[in-house]
Amino acid sequence: MALQSNKIKKILAITAHPDDLELSFGGSVHKWFNQGCIVDNLIMCHHQPHKQYLSKTSSILGFSSYYYPLDDVNMRPVLTNDMIQRIEGFLNINDYDLLITHWKEDWHQDHRMCYDIGNTLRRKQPLDVWYFDAFPYNQKYKSFETNVYVDISKSIESKVKAIKEYKNLPSDYYLRVQAYNAYRGSFINKQYAECFKVDTINA
């Protein structure tokens, strides 16, 4: 799926950790970047040591990273009014046409928090909101109904390259992700695809 160039020009992805974007929808981000879109990634729990690889992966895929301002980098953020005010203090949600974040049934608590953050941030601005399919956490999904498939056949090489930058992952992990994207591609008769659940599409 190609984004409507006259409508979607700037995208905000809210993810829990370094590597969530790359693993789940890095191919789509690379494709959208090549279509001229700006993609910003707000990372909420960025105290993990593999944050060190983000400069390389963001360069490969074409996104910019922002970090939730933690007073103590060893703390895990908790959804509060203060958190939302902090985010709105350094990111203008009105600048974005599309918000992408985790799905609410994910088995990781940090991921579920991002779902709640996204839905809170959209309260003042009617945004298109997409939820991404996070392998392998999607094994717990019960109500995730895919309604958008993005053909990433031309971007899979860049996605794999970005995943390989994460030295904390098993050396063959990219093969599992690639196999899953091939499975999703078979749904739309493409070699590789990533999928999303679209919540709202504004006219």
Protein backbone atom coordinates (compact mmCIF):
# COMPACT_ATOMS: atom_id res chain seq x y z
CA MET A 1 0.00 0.00 0.00
CA ALA A 2 1.30 3.42 -0.94
CA LEU A 3 0.42 6.24 1.43
CA GLN A 4 -1.66 9.04 -0.04
CA SER A 5 1.06 11.59 -0.70
CA ASN A 6 -1.40 14.49 -0.48
CA LYS A 7 -2.52 13.38 2.98
CA ILE A 8 0.17 11.45 4.86
CA LYS A 9 3.41 13.39 4.94
CA LYS A 10 4.60 13.05 8.53
CA ILE A 11 4.30 9.95 10.71
CA LEU A 12 4.81 9.50 14.44
CA ALA A 13 5.63 5.98 15.63
CA ILE A 14 5.39 5.38 19.37
CA THR A 15 7.31 2.28 20.38
CA ALA A 16 8.41 0.87 23.70
CA HIS A 17 11.99 -0.15 22.96
CA PRO A 18 14.88 0.26 20.57
CA ASP A 19 14.35 -2.37 17.82
CA ASP A 20 10.51 -2.48 18.00
CA LEU A 21 10.15 -0.38 14.85
CA GLU A 22 12.82 -2.26 12.92
CA LEU A 23 11.47 -5.71 13.76
CA SER A 24 7.78 -4.99 13.28
CA PHE A 25 7.44 -2.48 10.46
CA GLY A 26 10.93 -1.44 9.38
CA GLY A 27 10.21 -2.39 5.79
CA SER A 28 7.19 -0.10 5.67
CA VAL A 29 9.17 2.78 7.19
CA HIS A 30 11.89 2.36 4.58
CA LYS A 31 9.28 2.31 1.81
CA TRP A 32 7.52 5.41 3.13
CA PHE A 33 10.82 7.24 3.54
CA ASN A 34 11.55 6.56 -0.13
CA GLN A 35 8.11 7.96 -0.96
CA GLY A 36 9.07 11.24 0.73
CA CYS A 37 7.43 10.77 4.14
CA ILE A 38 9.03 11.89 7.41
CA VAL A 39 8.97 9.24 10.12
CA ASP A 40 9.72 10.09 13.76
CA ASN A 41 10.03 7.32 16.35
CA LEU A 42 9.27 8.20 19.98
CA ILE A 43 10.88 5.49 22.14
CA MET A 44 9.50 5.27 25.66
CA CYS A 45 11.82 2.72 27.34
CA HIS A 46 15.22 3.58 25.94
CA HIS A 47 17.47 2.59 28.82
CA GLN A 48 18.35 -0.74 27.15
CA PRO A 49 21.97 -1.10 26.07
CA HIS A 50 20.99 -1.89 22.49
CA LYS A 51 19.97 1.75 22.08
CA GLN A 52 23.55 2.12 20.82
CA TYR A 53 22.55 0.59 17.47
CA LEU A 54 19.78 3.09 16.71
CA SER A 55 21.96 5.59 14.90
CA LYS A 56 22.82 2.93 12.32
CA THR A 57 19.35 1.43 11.97
CA SER A 58 17.66 4.82 11.65
CA SER A 59 20.12 5.74 8.91
CA ILE A 60 19.42 2.48 7.06
CA LEU A 61 15.62 2.79 7.23
CA GLY A 62 15.23 6.57 7.19
CA PHE A 63 13.62 7.54 10.49
CA SER A 64 14.50 9.89 13.35
CA SER A 65 14.50 8.83 17.01
CA TYR A 66 13.21 10.77 20.01
CA TYR A 67 13.33 9.59 23.60
CA TYR A 68 10.85 10.08 26.39
CA PRO A 69 12.61 12.32 28.94
CA LEU A 70 13.32 10.12 31.95
CA ASP A 71 14.60 11.69 35.17
CA ASP A 72 16.32 8.38 35.92
CA VAL A 73 17.33 6.30 32.92
CA ASN A 74 16.96 3.14 34.99
CA MET A 75 13.27 3.84 35.60
CA ARG A 76 10.42 2.46 33.53
CA PRO A 77 7.95 5.16 32.53
CA VAL A 78 4.41 4.95 33.86
CA LEU A 79 1.40 6.44 32.10
CA THR A 80 0.37 9.54 34.04
CA ASN A 81 -0.90 13.03 33.26
CA ASP A 82 2.65 14.27 33.76
CA MET A 83 3.93 11.84 31.12
CA ILE A 84 1.42 13.07 28.54
CA GLN A 85 2.25 16.68 29.32
CA ARG A 86 5.95 15.97 28.92
CA ILE A 87 5.42 14.32 25.55
CA GLU A 88 3.20 17.14 24.34
CA GLY A 89 5.85 19.56 25.57
CA PHE A 90 8.50 18.36 23.11
CA LEU A 91 6.43 16.82 20.29
CA ASN A 92 3.67 18.78 18.59
CA ILE A 93 1.09 16.13 17.79
CA ASN A 94 -0.60 18.55 15.40
CA ASP A 95 2.40 18.21 13.10
CA TYR A 96 1.58 14.57 12.33
CA ASP A 97 -0.85 13.01 9.89
CA LEU A 98 -0.54 9.42 11.12
CA LEU A 99 0.26 7.76 14.43
CA ILE A 100 1.49 4.14 14.57
CA THR A 101 1.87 2.20 17.79
CA HIS A 102 1.54 -1.14 19.56
CA TRP A 103 -1.69 -3.13 19.83
CA LYS A 104 -3.48 -3.38 23.19
CA GLU A 105 -3.37 -7.19 23.44
CA ASP A 106 0.41 -7.45 23.29
CA TRP A 107 1.80 -9.60 26.10
CA HIS A 108 4.55 -7.09 26.96
CA GLN A 109 3.46 -4.46 29.47
CA ASP A 110 5.66 -1.75 27.92
CA HIS A 111 3.99 -2.36 24.57
CA ARG A 112 0.50 -2.12 26.04
CA MET A 113 1.47 1.17 27.68
CA CYS A 114 2.32 2.60 24.25
CA TYR A 115 -1.16 1.72 23.02
CA ASP A 116 -2.62 3.78 25.88
CA ILE A 117 -0.22 6.66 25.25
CA GLY A 118 -1.17 6.80 21.58
CA ASN A 119 -4.87 6.87 22.32
CA THR A 120 -4.39 9.62 24.91
CA LEU A 121 -2.31 11.80 22.57
CA ARG A 122 -4.93 11.65 19.83
CA ARG A 123 -7.63 13.15 22.06
CA LYS A 124 -7.03 16.71 20.80
CA GLN A 125 -6.18 15.92 17.20
CA PRO A 126 -8.15 13.64 14.83
CA LEU A 127 -5.28 11.47 13.64
CA ASP A 128 -5.21 8.39 11.51
CA VAL A 129 -4.07 5.63 13.87
CA TRP A 130 -2.54 2.33 12.81
CA TYR A 131 -1.51 -0.52 15.10
CA PHE A 132 1.37 -2.70 14.02
CA ASP A 133 1.66 -6.45 14.13
CA ALA A 134 4.52 -7.27 16.54
CA PHE A 135 6.01 -10.70 15.94
CA PRO A 136 6.26 -12.85 18.10
CA TYR A 137 4.18 -10.95 20.67
CA ASN A 138 1.19 -11.21 18.35
CA GLN A 139 0.63 -14.78 19.51
CA LYS A 140 -1.59 -13.29 22.24
CA TYR A 141 -3.69 -11.21 19.85
CA LYS A 142 -7.38 -12.13 19.77
CA SER A 143 -9.03 -9.11 18.17
CA PHE A 144 -6.30 -7.77 15.87
CA GLU A 145 -8.01 -7.66 12.48
CA THR A 146 -5.52 -6.88 9.73
CA ASN A 147 -6.99 -4.42 7.24
CA VAL A 148 -3.83 -2.96 5.69
CA TYR A 149 -1.00 -4.89 4.07
CA VAL A 150 2.12 -3.06 2.96
CA ASP A 151 4.20 -4.68 0.23
CA ILE A 152 7.80 -4.49 1.47
CA SER A 153 9.36 -6.72 -1.17
CA LYS A 154 11.68 -3.92 -2.31
CA SER A 155 12.53 -2.94 1.28
CA ILE A 156 13.12 -6.34 2.87
CA GLU A 157 16.87 -6.15 2.23
CA SER A 158 17.13 -2.88 4.16
CA LYS A 159 14.92 -4.24 6.95
CA VAL A 160 17.15 -7.30 7.32
CA LYS A 161 20.25 -5.11 7.29
CA ALA A 162 18.81 -3.00 10.12
CA ILE A 163 17.84 -6.04 12.21
CA LYS A 164 21.35 -7.45 11.84
CA GLU A 165 22.73 -4.30 13.47
CA TYR A 166 21.18 -5.39 16.78
CA LYS A 167 23.95 -7.54 18.18
CA ASN A 168 21.81 -8.42 21.21
CA LEU A 169 19.47 -10.49 19.02
CA PRO A 170 20.23 -14.10 18.06
CA SER A 171 22.30 -14.09 14.88
CA ASP A 172 19.56 -15.87 12.94
CA TYR A 173 16.63 -13.85 14.28
CA TYR A 174 16.27 -11.92 11.06
CA LEU A 175 15.42 -15.22 9.34
CA ARG A 176 12.41 -15.68 11.62
CA VAL A 177 11.18 -12.17 10.95
CA GLN A 178 11.79 -12.56 7.23
CA ALA A 179 9.84 -15.84 7.21
CA TYR A 180 6.93 -14.15 8.96
CA ASN A 181 6.96 -11.30 6.43
CA ALA A 182 6.97 -13.88 3.63
CA TYR A 183 3.92 -15.53 5.22
CA ARG A 184 2.15 -12.18 5.38
CA GLY A 185 3.16 -11.46 1.78
CA SER A 186 1.38 -14.61 0.64
CA PHE A 187 -1.93 -13.02 1.71
CA ILE A 188 -1.60 -10.36 -1.00
CA ASN A 189 0.39 -12.35 -3.55
CA LYS A 190 3.61 -10.47 -2.80
CA GLN A 191 7.00 -11.78 -1.73
CA TYR A 192 7.05 -9.91 1.60
CA ALA A 193 4.54 -7.78 3.49
CA GLU A 194 3.88 -6.17 6.86
CA CYS A 195 0.39 -5.72 8.21
CA PHE A 196 -1.50 -3.23 10.34
CA LYS A 197 -4.87 -2.67 11.93
CA VAL A 198 -6.27 0.72 10.96
CA ASP A 199 -8.40 2.29 13.66
CA THR A 200 -9.47 5.56 12.09
CA ILE A 201 -9.19 7.06 8.67
CA ASN A 202 -10.19 10.71 8.57
CA ALA A 203 -11.55 12.31 5.45
